[in-house]
Amino acid sequence: LKSLFSPKAGAILRVLLNNPNYAWRMANLAAEAKASLGHVS
């Protein structure tokens, strides 16, 4: 849980929560959250 809700992971979660019904490709989600593909995975 600490890893899932870490600050960097939180950036990914905020993108998902801002658009709950949107279908995200991994690369697009990584770019929007300013995160690496590995972290998004």
PDB file of all heavy atoms in Angstrom:
ATOM      1  N   LEU A   1       0.824  -1.209   0.000  1.00  0.00           N
ATOM      2  CA  LEU A   1       0.000   0.000   0.000  1.00  0.00           C
ATOM      3  C   LEU A   1       0.855   1.255   0.000  1.00  0.00           C
ATOM      4  O   LEU A   1       0.532   2.243  -0.671  1.00  0.00           O
ATOM      5  CB  LEU A   1      -0.938  -0.005   1.212  1.00  0.00           C
ATOM      6  CG  LEU A   1      -2.053  -1.046   1.176  1.00  0.00           C
ATOM      7  CD1 LEU A   1      -2.783  -1.092   2.510  1.00  0.00           C
ATOM      8  CD2 LEU A   1      -3.033  -0.756   0.050  1.00  0.00           C
ATOM      9  N   LYS A   2       1.956   1.220   0.739  1.00  0.00           N
ATOM     10  CA  LYS A   2       2.852   2.376   0.752  1.00  0.00           C
ATOM     11  C   LYS A   2       3.415   2.624  -0.632  1.00  0.00           C
ATOM     12  O   LYS A   2       3.526   3.772  -1.087  1.00  0.00           O
ATOM     13  CB  LYS A   2       3.977   2.149   1.756  1.00  0.00           C
ATOM     14  CG  LYS A   2       4.897   3.353   1.911  1.00  0.00           C
ATOM     15  CD  LYS A   2       5.949   3.112   2.986  1.00  0.00           C
ATOM     16  CE  LYS A   2       6.845   4.335   3.146  1.00  0.00           C
ATOM     17  NZ  LYS A   2       7.879   4.131   4.201  1.00  0.00           N
ATOM     18  N   SER A   3       3.754   1.548  -1.330  1.00  0.00           N
ATOM     19  CA  SER A   3       4.273   1.678  -2.695  1.00  0.00           C
ATOM     20  C   SER A   3       3.200   2.174  -3.652  1.00  0.00           C
ATOM     21  O   SER A   3       3.456   3.043  -4.491  1.00  0.00           O
ATOM     22  CB  SER A   3       4.818   0.326  -3.165  1.00  0.00           C
ATOM     23  OG  SER A   3       5.185   0.368  -4.527  1.00  0.00           O
ATOM     24  N   LEU A   4       1.978   1.637  -3.520  1.00  0.00           N
ATOM     25  CA  LEU A   4       0.889   2.020  -4.418  1.00  0.00           C
ATOM     26  C   LEU A   4       0.519   3.482  -4.252  1.00  0.00           C
ATOM     27  O   LEU A   4       0.159   4.162  -5.223  1.00  0.00           O
ATOM     28  CB  LEU A   4      -0.334   1.133  -4.159  1.00  0.00           C
ATOM     29  CG  LEU A   4      -1.585   1.428  -4.990  1.00  0.00           C
ATOM     30  CD1 LEU A   4      -1.290   1.324  -6.477  1.00  0.00           C
ATOM     31  CD2 LEU A   4      -2.717   0.493  -4.597  1.00  0.00           C
ATOM     32  N   PHE A   5       0.598   4.004  -3.021  1.00  0.00           N
ATOM     33  CA  PHE A   5       0.185   5.380  -2.760  1.00  0.00           C
ATOM     34  C   PHE A   5       1.376   6.297  -2.484  1.00  0.00           C
ATOM     35  O   PHE A   5       1.241   7.303  -1.784  1.00  0.00           O
ATOM     36  CB  PHE A   5      -0.800   5.405  -1.591  1.00  0.00           C
ATOM     37  CG  PHE A   5      -2.070   4.641  -1.872  1.00  0.00           C
ATOM     38  CD1 PHE A   5      -2.444   3.565  -1.085  1.00  0.00           C
ATOM     39  CD2 PHE A   5      -2.867   4.979  -2.948  1.00  0.00           C
ATOM     40  CE1 PHE A   5      -3.604   2.852  -1.352  1.00  0.00           C
ATOM     41  CE2 PHE A   5      -4.025   4.271  -3.236  1.00  0.00           C
ATOM     42  CZ  PHE A   5      -4.394   3.201  -2.436  1.00  0.00           C
ATOM     43  N   SER A   6       2.527   5.942  -3.027  1.00  0.00           N
ATOM     44  CA  SER A   6       3.698   6.808  -2.925  1.00  0.00           C
ATOM     45  C   SER A   6       3.471   8.058  -3.770  1.00  0.00           C
ATOM     46  O   SER A   6       2.596   8.086  -4.639  1.00  0.00           O
ATOM     47  CB  SER A   6       4.941   6.064  -3.417  1.00  0.00           C
ATOM     48  OG  SER A   6       4.856   5.832  -4.819  1.00  0.00           O
ATOM     49  N   PRO A   7       4.241   9.120  -3.540  1.00  0.00           N
ATOM     50  CA  PRO A   7       4.038  10.356  -4.327  1.00  0.00           C
ATOM     51  C   PRO A   7       4.107  10.138  -5.833  1.00  0.00           C
ATOM     52  O   PRO A   7       3.267  10.662  -6.576  1.00  0.00           O
ATOM     53  CB  PRO A   7       5.178  11.252  -3.828  1.00  0.00           C
ATOM     54  CG  PRO A   7       5.433  10.793  -2.436  1.00  0.00           C
ATOM     55  CD  PRO A   7       5.223   9.313  -2.467  1.00  0.00           C
ATOM     56  N   LYS A   8       5.093   9.357  -6.300  1.00  0.00           N
ATOM     57  CA  LYS A   8       5.228   9.154  -7.743  1.00  0.00           C
ATOM     58  C   LYS A   8       4.082   8.314  -8.300  1.00  0.00           C
ATOM     59  O   LYS A   8       3.575   8.586  -9.389  1.00  0.00           O
ATOM     60  CB  LYS A   8       6.574   8.505  -8.056  1.00  0.00           C
ATOM     61  CG  LYS A   8       7.751   9.450  -7.826  1.00  0.00           C
ATOM     62  CD  LYS A   8       9.060   8.824  -8.256  1.00  0.00           C
ATOM     63  CE  LYS A   8      10.218   9.800  -8.070  1.00  0.00           C
ATOM     64  NZ  LYS A   8      11.521   9.202  -8.471  1.00  0.00           N
ATOM     65  N   ALA A   9       3.674   7.279  -7.561  1.00  0.00           N
ATOM     66  CA  ALA A   9       2.535   6.483  -7.998  1.00  0.00           C
ATOM     67  C   ALA A   9       1.260   7.314  -7.941  1.00  0.00           C
ATOM     68  O   ALA A   9       0.354   7.145  -8.764  1.00  0.00           O
ATOM     69  CB  ALA A   9       2.393   5.236  -7.122  1.00  0.00           C
ATOM     70  N   GLY A  10       1.189   8.233  -6.964  1.00  0.00           N
ATOM     71  CA  GLY A  10       0.011   9.089  -6.834  1.00  0.00           C
ATOM     72  C   GLY A  10      -0.237   9.917  -8.073  1.00  0.00           C
ATOM     73  O   GLY A  10      -1.390  10.212  -8.405  1.00  0.00           O
ATOM     74  N   ALA A  11       0.830  10.304  -8.774  1.00  0.00           N
ATOM     75  CA  ALA A  11       0.656  11.069 -10.013  1.00  0.00           C
ATOM     76  C   ALA A  11      -0.107  10.246 -11.045  1.00  0.00           C
ATOM     77  O   ALA A  11      -0.958  10.769 -11.783  1.00  0.00           O
ATOM     78  CB  ALA A  11       2.017  11.480 -10.561  1.00  0.00           C
ATOM     79  N   ILE A  12       0.154   8.942 -11.086  1.00  0.00           N
ATOM     80  CA  ILE A  12      -0.561   8.042 -12.009  1.00  0.00           C
ATOM     81  C   ILE A  12      -2.008   7.882 -11.565  1.00  0.00           C
ATOM     82  O   ILE A  12      -2.935   7.916 -12.384  1.00  0.00           O
ATOM     83  CB  ILE A  12       0.148   6.681 -12.068  1.00  0.00           C
ATOM     84  CG1 ILE A  12       1.593   6.855 -12.550  1.00  0.00           C
ATOM     85  CG2 ILE A  12      -0.613   5.706 -12.968  1.00  0.00           C
ATOM     86  CD1 ILE A  12       2.448   5.611 -12.398  1.00  0.00           C
ATOM     87  N   LEU A  13      -2.208   7.716 -10.266  1.00  0.00           N
ATOM     88  CA  LEU A  13      -3.565   7.533  -9.741  1.00  0.00           C
ATOM     89  C   LEU A  13      -4.425   8.766  -9.987  1.00  0.00           C
ATOM     90  O   LEU A  13      -5.621   8.649 -10.286  1.00  0.00           O
ATOM     91  CB  LEU A  13      -3.509   7.218  -8.246  1.00  0.00           C
ATOM     92  CG  LEU A  13      -2.711   5.973  -7.831  1.00  0.00           C
ATOM     93  CD1 LEU A  13      -2.779   5.796  -6.322  1.00  0.00           C
ATOM     94  CD2 LEU A  13      -3.209   4.735  -8.554  1.00  0.00           C
ATOM     95  N   ARG A  14      -3.836   9.951  -9.859  1.00  0.00           N
ATOM     96  CA  ARG A  14      -4.616  11.176 -10.077  1.00  0.00           C
ATOM     97  C   ARG A  14      -5.086  11.271 -11.528  1.00  0.00           C
ATOM     98  O   ARG A  14      -6.216  11.702 -11.786  1.00  0.00           O
ATOM     99  CB  ARG A  14      -3.772  12.407  -9.709  1.00  0.00           C
ATOM    100  CG  ARG A  14      -3.613  12.620  -8.226  1.00  0.00           C
ATOM    101  CD  ARG A  14      -3.174  14.048  -7.903  1.00  0.00           C
ATOM    102  NE  ARG A  14      -1.869  14.369  -8.443  1.00  0.00           N
ATOM    103  CZ  ARG A  14      -0.718  14.143  -7.815  1.00  0.00           C
ATOM    104  NH1 ARG A  14      -0.725  13.558  -6.633  1.00  0.00           N
ATOM    105  NH2 ARG A  14       0.427  14.492  -8.359  1.00  0.00           N
ATOM    106  N   VAL A  15      -4.237  10.849 -12.462  1.00  0.00           N
ATOM    107  CA  VAL A  15      -4.641  10.865 -13.873  1.00  0.00           C
ATOM    108  C   VAL A  15      -5.823   9.925 -14.089  1.00  0.00           C
ATOM    109  O   VAL A  15      -6.806  10.270 -14.759  1.00  0.00           O
ATOM    110  CB  VAL A  15      -3.460  10.466 -14.784  1.00  0.00           C
ATOM    111  CG1 VAL A  15      -3.934  10.276 -16.226  1.00  0.00           C
ATOM    112  CG2 VAL A  15      -2.366  11.526 -14.728  1.00  0.00           C
ATOM    113  N   LEU A  16      -5.759   8.741 -13.491  1.00  0.00           N
ATOM    114  CA  LEU A  16      -6.854   7.774 -13.642  1.00  0.00           C
ATOM    115  C   LEU A  16      -8.141   8.285 -12.993  1.00  0.00           C
ATOM    116  O   LEU A  16      -9.227   8.161 -13.557  1.00  0.00           O
ATOM    117  CB  LEU A  16      -6.455   6.433 -13.015  1.00  0.00           C
ATOM    118  CG  LEU A  16      -5.337   5.654 -13.715  1.00  0.00           C
ATOM    119  CD1 LEU A  16      -4.925   4.453 -12.871  1.00  0.00           C
ATOM    120  CD2 LEU A  16      -5.783   5.193 -15.098  1.00  0.00           C
ATOM    121  N   LEU A  17      -8.015   8.873 -11.815  1.00  0.00           N
ATOM    122  CA  LEU A  17      -9.203   9.355 -11.095  1.00  0.00           C
ATOM    123  C   LEU A  17      -9.824  10.575 -11.767  1.00  0.00           C
ATOM    124  O   LEU A  17     -11.033  10.806 -11.646  1.00  0.00           O
ATOM    125  CB  LEU A  17      -8.837   9.687  -9.649  1.00  0.00           C
ATOM    126  CG  LEU A  17      -8.620   8.481  -8.730  1.00  0.00           C
ATOM    127  CD1 LEU A  17      -7.934   8.891  -7.439  1.00  0.00           C
ATOM    128  CD2 LEU A  17      -9.954   7.798  -8.421  1.00  0.00           C
ATOM    129  N   ASN A  18      -9.019  11.347 -12.467  1.00  0.00           N
ATOM    130  CA  ASN A  18      -9.566  12.506 -13.176  1.00  0.00           C
ATOM    131  C   ASN A  18     -10.424  12.095 -14.364  1.00  0.00           C
ATOM    132  O   ASN A  18     -11.286  12.865 -14.815  1.00  0.00           O
ATOM    133  CB  ASN A  18      -8.431  13.418 -13.656  1.00  0.00           C
ATOM    134  CG  ASN A  18      -7.833  14.246 -12.532  1.00  0.00           C
ATOM    135  OD1 ASN A  18      -8.499  14.530 -11.549  1.00  0.00           O
ATOM    136  ND2 ASN A  18      -6.577  14.615 -12.679  1.00  0.00           N
ATOM    137  N   ASN A  19     -10.193  10.883 -14.870  1.00  0.00           N
ATOM    138  CA  ASN A  19     -10.953  10.386 -16.033  1.00  0.00           C
ATOM    139  C   ASN A  19     -11.307   8.919 -15.795  1.00  0.00           C
ATOM    140  O   ASN A  19     -10.758   8.020 -16.443  1.00  0.00           O
ATOM    141  CB  ASN A  19     -10.124  10.519 -17.316  1.00  0.00           C
ATOM    142  CG  ASN A  19      -9.752  11.947 -17.620  1.00  0.00           C
ATOM    143  OD1 ASN A  19     -10.522  12.700 -18.184  1.00  0.00           O
ATOM    144  ND2 ASN A  19      -8.523  12.329 -17.225  1.00  0.00           N
ATOM    145  N   PRO A  20     -12.245   8.639 -14.858  1.00  0.00           N
ATOM    146  CA  PRO A  20     -12.515   7.258 -14.461  1.00  0.00           C
ATOM    147  C   PRO A  20     -12.967   6.343 -15.595  1.00  0.00           C
ATOM    148  O   PRO A  20     -12.724   5.141 -15.542  1.00  0.00           O
ATOM    149  CB  PRO A  20     -13.626   7.401 -13.405  1.00  0.00           C
ATOM    150  CG  PRO A  20     -13.487   8.786 -12.900  1.00  0.00           C
ATOM    151  CD  PRO A  20     -13.027   9.600 -14.068  1.00  0.00           C
ATOM    152  N   ASN A  21     -13.610   6.881 -16.606  1.00  0.00           N
ATOM    153  CA  ASN A  21     -14.146   6.037 -17.662  1.00  0.00           C
ATOM    154  C   ASN A  21     -13.288   6.026 -18.920  1.00  0.00           C
ATOM    155  O   ASN A  21     -13.674   5.425 -19.928  1.00  0.00           O
ATOM    156  CB  ASN A  21     -15.567   6.490 -18.020  1.00  0.00           C
ATOM    157  CG  ASN A  21     -16.521   6.368 -16.840  1.00  0.00           C
ATOM    158  OD1 ASN A  21     -16.527   5.351 -16.150  1.00  0.00           O
ATOM    159  ND2 ASN A  21     -17.313   7.400 -16.605  1.00  0.00           N
ATOM    160  N   TYR A  22     -12.131   6.666 -18.858  1.00  0.00           N
ATOM    161  CA  TYR A  22     -11.286   6.775 -20.038  1.00  0.00           C
ATOM    162  C   TYR A  22     -10.392   5.548 -20.156  1.00  0.00           C
ATOM    163  O   TYR A  22      -9.862   5.045 -19.163  1.00  0.00           O
ATOM    164  CB  TYR A  22     -10.433   8.038 -19.952  1.00  0.00           C
ATOM    165  CG  TYR A  22      -9.643   8.335 -21.197  1.00  0.00           C
ATOM    166  CD1 TYR A  22     -10.237   8.932 -22.298  1.00  0.00           C
ATOM    167  CD2 TYR A  22      -8.289   7.998 -21.280  1.00  0.00           C
ATOM    168  CE1 TYR A  22      -9.512   9.199 -23.447  1.00  0.00           C
ATOM    169  CE2 TYR A  22      -7.552   8.266 -22.417  1.00  0.00           C
ATOM    170  CZ  TYR A  22      -8.174   8.862 -23.501  1.00  0.00           C
ATOM    171  OH  TYR A  22      -7.450   9.124 -24.633  1.00  0.00           O
ATOM    172  N   ALA A  23     -10.230   5.051 -21.375  1.00  0.00           N
ATOM    173  CA  ALA A  23      -9.359   3.905 -21.630  1.00  0.00           C
ATOM    174  C   ALA A  23      -7.959   4.411 -21.976  1.00  0.00           C
ATOM    175  O   ALA A  23      -7.778   5.088 -22.991  1.00  0.00           O
ATOM    176  CB  ALA A  23      -9.916   3.054 -22.762  1.00  0.00           C
ATOM    177  N   TRP A  24      -7.001   4.067 -21.133  1.00  0.00           N
ATOM    178  CA  TRP A  24      -5.643   4.580 -21.285  1.00  0.00           C
ATOM    179  C   TRP A  24      -4.711   3.542 -21.883  1.00  0.00           C
ATOM    180  O   TRP A  24      -4.630   2.412 -21.402  1.00  0.00           O
ATOM    181  CB  TRP A  24      -5.075   5.002 -19.933  1.00  0.00           C
ATOM    182  CG  TRP A  24      -5.681   6.241 -19.365  1.00  0.00           C
ATOM    183  CD1 TRP A  24      -6.715   6.309 -18.470  1.00  0.00           C
ATOM    184  CD2 TRP A  24      -5.288   7.582 -19.630  1.00  0.00           C
ATOM    185  NE1 TRP A  24      -6.998   7.613 -18.170  1.00  0.00           N
ATOM    186  CE2 TRP A  24      -6.127   8.430 -18.872  1.00  0.00           C
ATOM    187  CE3 TRP A  24      -4.304   8.173 -20.426  1.00  0.00           C
ATOM    188  CZ2 TRP A  24      -6.029   9.810 -18.888  1.00  0.00           C
ATOM    189  CZ3 TRP A  24      -4.190   9.559 -20.455  1.00  0.00           C
ATOM    190  CH2 TRP A  24      -5.039  10.352 -19.697  1.00  0.00           C
ATOM    191  N   ARG A  25      -3.997   3.932 -22.928  1.00  0.00           N
ATOM    192  CA  ARG A  25      -2.858   3.158 -23.382  1.00  0.00           C
ATOM    193  C   ARG A  25      -1.705   3.438 -22.420  1.00  0.00           C
ATOM    194  O   ARG A  25      -1.584   4.538 -21.874  1.00  0.00           O
ATOM    195  CB  ARG A  25      -2.461   3.556 -24.802  1.00  0.00           C
ATOM    196  CG  ARG A  25      -3.530   3.241 -25.850  1.00  0.00           C
ATOM    197  CD  ARG A  25      -3.694   1.759 -26.040  1.00  0.00           C
ATOM    198  NE  ARG A  25      -4.632   1.444 -27.126  1.00  0.00           N
ATOM    199  CZ  ARG A  25      -5.026   0.219 -27.423  1.00  0.00           C
ATOM    200  NH1 ARG A  25      -4.570  -0.811 -26.722  1.00  0.00           N
ATOM    201  NH2 ARG A  25      -5.876   0.005 -28.411  1.00  0.00           N
ATOM    202  N   MET A  26      -0.859   2.446 -22.229  1.00  0.00           N
ATOM    203  CA  MET A  26       0.218   2.584 -21.243  1.00  0.00           C
ATOM    204  C   MET A  26       1.103   3.791 -21.536  1.00  0.00           C
ATOM    205  O   MET A  26       1.447   4.560 -20.633  1.00  0.00           O
ATOM    206  CB  MET A  26       1.049   1.297 -21.225  1.00  0.00           C
ATOM    207  CG  MET A  26       0.291   0.073 -20.745  1.00  0.00           C
ATOM    208  SD  MET A  26       0.103   0.056 -18.963  1.00  0.00           S
ATOM    209  CE  MET A  26       1.757  -0.412 -18.485  1.00  0.00           C
ATOM    210  N   ALA A  27       1.476   3.960 -22.793  1.00  0.00           N
ATOM    211  CA  ALA A  27       2.376   5.063 -23.151  1.00  0.00           C
ATOM    212  C   ALA A  27       1.710   6.410 -22.894  1.00  0.00           C
ATOM    213  O   ALA A  27       2.353   7.347 -22.401  1.00  0.00           O
ATOM    214  CB  ALA A  27       2.800   4.941 -24.607  1.00  0.00           C
ATOM    215  N   ASN A  28       0.414   6.513 -23.216  1.00  0.00           N
ATOM    216  CA  ASN A  28      -0.305   7.772 -22.995  1.00  0.00           C
ATOM    217  C   ASN A  28      -0.431   8.088 -21.510  1.00  0.00           C
ATOM    218  O   ASN A  28      -0.288   9.238 -21.088  1.00  0.00           O
ATOM    219  CB  ASN A  28      -1.685   7.709 -23.636  1.00  0.00           C
ATOM    220  CG  ASN A  28      -1.622   7.619 -25.143  1.00  0.00           C
ATOM    221  OD1 ASN A  28      -0.591   7.969 -25.743  1.00  0.00           O
ATOM    222  ND2 ASN A  28      -2.683   7.159 -25.768  1.00  0.00           N
ATOM    223  N   LEU A  29      -0.699   7.057 -20.719  1.00  0.00           N
ATOM    224  CA  LEU A  29      -0.824   7.250 -19.274  1.00  0.00           C
ATOM    225  C   LEU A  29       0.518   7.677 -18.674  1.00  0.00           C
ATOM    226  O   LEU A  29       0.572   8.568 -17.818  1.00  0.00           O
ATOM    227  CB  LEU A  29      -1.314   5.960 -18.610  1.00  0.00           C
ATOM    228  CG  LEU A  29      -1.500   5.977 -17.094  1.00  0.00           C
ATOM    229  CD1 LEU A  29      -2.449   7.086 -16.666  1.00  0.00           C
ATOM    230  CD2 LEU A  29      -2.004   4.620 -16.600  1.00  0.00           C
ATOM    231  N   ALA A  30       1.597   7.052 -19.126  1.00  0.00           N
ATOM    232  CA  ALA A  30       2.926   7.412 -18.635  1.00  0.00           C
ATOM    233  C   ALA A  30       3.261   8.863 -18.969  1.00  0.00           C
ATOM    234  O   ALA A  30       3.788   9.598 -18.130  1.00  0.00           O
ATOM    235  CB  ALA A  30       3.971   6.468 -19.230  1.00  0.00           C
ATOM    236  N   ALA A  31       2.928   9.271 -20.195  1.00  0.00           N
ATOM    237  CA  ALA A  31       3.224  10.647 -20.610  1.00  0.00           C
ATOM    238  C   ALA A  31       2.397  11.644 -19.807  1.00  0.00           C
ATOM    239  O   ALA A  31       2.914  12.677 -19.356  1.00  0.00           O
ATOM    240  CB  ALA A  31       2.949  10.804 -22.104  1.00  0.00           C
ATOM    241  N   GLU A  32       1.115  11.346 -19.598  1.00  0.00           N
ATOM    242  CA  GLU A  32       0.233  12.257 -18.866  1.00  0.00           C
ATOM    243  C   GLU A  32       0.655  12.382 -17.408  1.00  0.00           C
ATOM    244  O   GLU A  32       0.561  13.466 -16.810  1.00  0.00           O
ATOM    245  CB  GLU A  32      -1.213  11.764 -18.959  1.00  0.00           C
ATOM    246  CG  GLU A  32      -2.251  12.684 -18.356  1.00  0.00           C
ATOM    247  CD  GLU A  32      -2.465  13.963 -19.156  1.00  0.00           C
ATOM    248  OE1 GLU A  32      -2.073  13.994 -20.349  1.00  0.00           O
ATOM    249  OE2 GLU A  32      -3.016  14.934 -18.594  1.00  0.00           O
ATOM    250  N   ALA A  33       1.108  11.285 -16.824  1.00  0.00           N
ATOM    251  CA  ALA A  33       1.494  11.285 -15.405  1.00  0.00           C
ATOM    252  C   ALA A  33       2.968  11.636 -15.203  1.00  0.00           C
ATOM    253  O   ALA A  33       3.433  11.689 -14.065  1.00  0.00           O
ATOM    254  CB  ALA A  33       1.216   9.917 -14.793  1.00  0.00           C
ATOM    255  N   LYS A  34       3.697  11.858 -16.295  1.00  0.00           N
ATOM    256  CA  LYS A  34       5.134  12.139 -16.236  1.00  0.00           C
ATOM    257  C   LYS A  34       5.865  11.038 -15.478  1.00  0.00           C
ATOM    258  O   LYS A  34       6.696  11.278 -14.592  1.00  0.00           O
ATOM    259  CB  LYS A  34       5.390  13.498 -15.571  1.00  0.00           C
ATOM    260  CG  LYS A  34       4.722  14.664 -16.271  1.00  0.00           C
ATOM    261  CD  LYS A  34       4.940  15.968 -15.506  1.00  0.00           C
ATOM    262  CE  LYS A  34       4.195  17.131 -16.152  1.00  0.00           C
ATOM    263  NZ  LYS A  34       4.325  18.390 -15.390  1.00  0.00           N
ATOM    264  N   ALA A  35       5.525   9.803 -15.841  1.00  0.00           N
ATOM    265  CA  ALA A  35       6.095   8.628 -15.187  1.00  0.00           C
ATOM    266  C   ALA A  35       6.707   7.700 -16.227  1.00  0.00           C
ATOM    267  O   ALA A  35       6.392   7.779 -17.412  1.00  0.00           O
ATOM    268  CB  ALA A  35       5.021   7.891 -14.382  1.00  0.00           C
ATOM    269  N   SER A  36       7.565   6.813 -15.777  1.00  0.00           N
ATOM    270  CA  SER A  36       8.167   5.840 -16.680  1.00  0.00           C
ATOM    271  C   SER A  36       7.176   4.719 -16.976  1.00  0.00           C
ATOM    272  O   SER A  36       6.255   4.450 -16.190  1.00  0.00           O
ATOM    273  CB  SER A  36       9.428   5.250 -16.065  1.00  0.00           C
ATOM    274  OG  SER A  36       9.109   4.442 -14.942  1.00  0.00           O
ATOM    275  N   LEU A  37       7.375   4.041 -18.096  1.00  0.00           N
ATOM    276  CA  LEU A  37       6.507   2.909 -18.440  1.00  0.00           C
ATOM    277  C   LEU A  37       6.623   1.798 -17.399  1.00  0.00           C
ATOM    278  O   LEU A  37       5.634   1.134 -17.082  1.00  0.00           O
ATOM    279  CB  LEU A  37       6.874   2.371 -19.826  1.00  0.00           C
ATOM    280  CG  LEU A  37       6.293   3.117 -21.024  1.00  0.00           C
ATOM    281  CD1 LEU A  37       6.900   2.599 -22.322  1.00  0.00           C
ATOM    282  CD2 LEU A  37       4.770   2.972 -21.061  1.00  0.00           C
ATOM    283  N   GLY A  38       7.828   1.612 -16.864  1.00  0.00           N
ATOM    284  CA  GLY A  38       8.001   0.590 -15.840  1.00  0.00           C
ATOM    285  C   GLY A  38       7.197   0.883 -14.589  1.00  0.00           C
ATOM    286  O   GLY A  38       6.587  -0.017 -14.008  1.00  0.00           O
ATOM    287  N   HIS A  39       7.167   2.149 -14.174  1.00  0.00           N
ATOM    288  CA  HIS A  39       6.402   2.526 -12.983  1.00  0.00           C
ATOM    289  C   HIS A  39       4.900   2.378 -13.239  1.00  0.00           C
ATOM    290  O   HIS A  39       4.150   1.886 -12.382  1.00  0.00           O
ATOM    291  CB  HIS A  39       6.728   3.966 -12.594  1.00  0.00           C
ATOM    292  CG  HIS A  39       6.388   4.270 -11.177  1.00  0.00           C
ATOM    293  ND1 HIS A  39       6.707   5.445 -10.563  1.00  0.00           N
ATOM    294  CD2 HIS A  39       5.738   3.538 -10.232  1.00  0.00           C
ATOM    295  CE1 HIS A  39       6.271   5.430  -9.304  1.00  0.00           C
ATOM    296  NE2 HIS A  39       5.681   4.286  -9.088  1.00  0.00           N
ATOM    297  N   VAL A  40       4.460   2.776 -14.418  1.00  0.00           N
ATOM    298  CA  VAL A  40       3.047   2.610 -14.766  1.00  0.00           C
ATOM    299  C   VAL A  40       2.675   1.135 -14.776  1.00  0.00           C
ATOM    300  O   VAL A  40       1.598   0.750 -14.302  1.00  0.00           O
ATOM    301  CB  VAL A  40       2.757   3.250 -16.141  1.00  0.00           C
ATOM    302  CG1 VAL A  40       1.347   2.887 -16.612  1.00  0.00           C
ATOM    303  CG2 VAL A  40       2.903   4.762 -16.067  1.00  0.00           C
ATOM    304  N   SER A  41       3.558   0.289 -15.268  1.00  0.00           N
ATOM    305  CA  SER A  41       3.287  -1.150 -15.302  1.00  0.00           C
ATOM    306  C   SER A  41       3.151  -1.724 -13.898  1.00  0.00           C
ATOM    307  O   SER A  41       2.266  -2.551 -13.637  1.00  0.00           O
ATOM    308  CB  SER A  41       4.417  -1.864 -16.055  1.00  0.00           C
ATOM    309  OG  SER A  41       4.202  -3.257 -16.088  1.00  0.00           O
TER     310      SER A  41
END
